[in-house]
Protein backbone atom coordinates (compact mmCIF):
# COMPACT_ATOMS: atom_id res chain seq x y z
CA UNK A 1 -63.49 68.99 6.52
CA UNK A 2 -65.66 65.94 6.56
CA UNK A 3 -63.37 64.41 4.02
CA UNK A 4 -60.38 64.96 6.27
CA UNK A 5 -62.08 63.27 9.17
CA UNK A 6 -62.92 60.38 6.93
CA UNK A 7 -59.28 60.03 5.76
CA UNK A 8 -58.03 60.21 9.32
CA UNK A 9 -60.55 57.58 10.35
CA UNK A 10 -59.45 55.34 7.46
CA UNK A 11 -55.79 55.81 8.35
CA UNK A 12 -56.49 54.95 11.96
CA UNK A 13 -58.51 51.99 10.86
CA UNK A 14 -55.67 50.79 8.63
CA UNK A 15 -53.09 51.31 11.35
CA UNK A 16 -55.37 49.43 13.76
CA UNK A 17 -55.59 46.54 11.31
CA UNK A 18 -51.81 46.56 10.87
CA UNK A 19 -51.35 46.61 14.61
CA UNK A 20 -53.77 43.70 15.07
CA UNK A 21 -52.12 41.73 12.27
CA UNK A 22 -48.65 42.34 13.69
CA UNK A 23 -49.88 41.35 17.17
CA UNK A 24 -51.30 38.10 15.77
CA UNK A 25 -48.07 37.35 13.90
CA UNK A 26 -46.03 38.09 17.02
CA UNK A 27 -48.27 35.81 19.08
CA UNK A 28 -47.90 33.05 16.45
CA UNK A 29 -44.14 33.47 16.45
CA UNK A 30 -44.04 33.18 20.25
CA UNK A 31 -46.30 30.16 20.13
CA UNK A 32 -44.42 28.34 17.36
CA UNK A 33 -40.81 29.18 18.35
CA UNK A 34 -40.35 26.63 21.20
CA UNK A 35 -41.72 23.62 19.25
CA UNK A 36 -39.57 24.53 16.24
CA UNK A 37 -36.52 24.88 18.50
CA UNK A 38 -37.25 21.48 20.06
CA UNK A 39 -37.67 19.95 16.61
CA UNK A 40 -34.24 21.13 15.45
CA UNK A 41 -32.64 20.14 18.75
CA UNK A 42 -34.10 16.66 18.48
CA UNK A 43 -32.98 16.36 14.85
CA UNK A 44 -29.42 17.22 15.95
CA UNK A 45 -29.60 14.62 18.72
CA UNK A 46 -30.88 12.02 16.27
CA UNK A 47 -28.00 12.78 13.92
CA UNK A 48 -25.47 12.49 16.74
CA UNK A 49 -26.97 9.19 17.90
CA UNK A 50 -26.92 7.84 14.34
CA UNK A 51 -23.23 8.71 14.05
CA UNK A 52 -22.53 7.05 17.41
CA UNK A 53 -24.50 3.98 16.33
CA UNK A 54 -22.44 3.74 13.16
CA UNK A 55 -19.14 3.96 15.05
CA UNK A 56 -20.37 1.42 17.62
CA UNK A 57 -21.33 -0.99 14.84
CA UNK A 58 -17.86 -0.63 13.32
CA UNK A 59 -16.27 -1.35 16.70
CA UNK A 60 -18.55 -4.36 17.15
CA UNK A 61 -17.55 -5.73 13.74
CA UNK A 62 -13.88 -5.29 14.63
CA UNK A 63 -14.42 -7.09 17.94
CA UNK A 64 -16.20 -9.95 16.15
CA UNK A 65 -13.28 -10.30 13.72
CA UNK A 66 -10.82 -10.36 16.62
CA UNK A 67 -12.94 -12.96 18.40
CA UNK A 68 -12.78 -15.15 15.32
CA UNK A 69 -8.99 -14.77 15.32
CA UNK A 70 -8.76 -15.84 18.96
CA UNK A 71 -10.68 -19.02 18.18
CA UNK A 72 -7.80 -20.20 15.97
CA UNK A 73 -5.24 -22.18 18.05
CA UNK A 74 -2.34 -21.10 15.85
CA UNK A 75 -3.18 -17.43 16.43
CA UNK A 76 -3.37 -17.99 20.19
CA UNK A 77 0.03 -19.72 20.11
CA UNK A 78 1.60 -16.89 18.11
CA UNK A 79 0.17 -14.27 20.47
CA UNK A 80 1.47 -16.17 23.50
CA UNK A 81 4.92 -16.24 21.94
CA UNK A 82 4.82 -12.54 21.05
CA UNK A 83 3.15 -11.00 24.05
CA UNK A 84 4.10 -13.35 26.88
CA UNK A 85 7.41 -14.65 25.50
CA UNK A 86 6.27 -18.28 25.81
CA UNK A 87 8.63 -20.92 24.50
CA UNK A 88 7.78 -24.49 23.58
CA UNK A 89 9.72 -27.27 25.32
CA UNK A 90 13.11 -27.81 23.75
CA UNK A 91 13.31 -24.29 22.27
CA UNK A 92 15.54 -21.44 23.34
CA UNK A 93 14.49 -17.86 23.31
CA UNK A 94 16.85 -14.99 22.80
CA UNK A 95 15.74 -11.44 23.51
CA UNK A 96 17.85 -8.83 21.78
CA UNK A 97 17.74 -5.33 23.15
CA UNK A 98 18.59 -2.39 20.95
CA UNK A 99 21.09 0.34 21.76
CA UNK A 100 24.63 0.42 22.99
CA UNK A 101 25.30 -1.31 26.28
CA UNK A 102 28.84 0.00 26.76
CA UNK A 103 27.80 3.09 28.75
CA UNK A 104 25.58 1.22 31.18
CA UNK A 105 28.11 -1.61 31.56
CA UNK A 106 30.91 0.80 32.45
CA UNK A 107 28.73 2.57 35.02
CA UNK A 108 27.55 -0.70 36.54
CA UNK A 109 31.10 -2.04 36.72
CA UNK A 110 32.38 1.11 38.43
CA UNK A 111 29.57 1.05 40.98
CA UNK A 112 29.95 -2.70 41.60
CA UNK A 113 33.72 -2.42 42.03
CA UNK A 114 33.32 0.37 44.57
CA UNK A 115 31.22 -1.86 46.85
CA UNK A 116 32.95 -3.93 49.48
CA UNK A 117 31.99 -7.60 49.80
CA UNK A 118 31.01 -9.01 53.17
CA UNK A 119 28.93 -6.06 54.31
CA UNK A 120 25.21 -6.35 55.11
CA UNK A 121 22.86 -5.92 52.15
CA UNK A 122 21.37 -2.62 53.37
CA UNK A 123 24.80 -0.99 53.66
CA UNK A 124 25.66 -2.17 50.14
CA UNK A 125 22.31 -0.80 48.91
CA UNK A 126 22.94 2.64 50.41
CA UNK A 127 26.49 2.66 49.07
CA UNK A 128 25.24 1.64 45.62
CA UNK A 129 22.68 4.47 45.59
CA UNK A 130 25.26 6.98 46.80
CA UNK A 131 27.84 5.83 44.28
CA UNK A 132 25.41 5.89 41.36
CA UNK A 133 24.24 9.35 42.40
CA UNK A 134 27.81 10.66 42.14
CA UNK A 135 28.23 9.51 38.55
């Protein structure tokens, strides 16, 4: 009987130790979880910022190259010709549009022939809109 009491006391003592150990581990986990979460969150932010820094540096290099191009007078002249359709004195510029113009020419001619000359501009405008709406 005494032996049984002793075994029960030992089992309770062991379960008490296990409970205390598990309580300490749980407390440690609760204490360490937020800093570990913040650490990983900050590492992810650092990685994202490094990627953004890399892309910004690439864009800056591209802008520097373009700035060097714009410092060349020949490049500026070619861009003015392309983008703004500038022409040097004595030159002629021809702009060719693609596509067939026969359909739009026929429609324009029909609308223009339906308008009567000598009328005020606003009456011709309304007639032109009405005529083109019927086609």
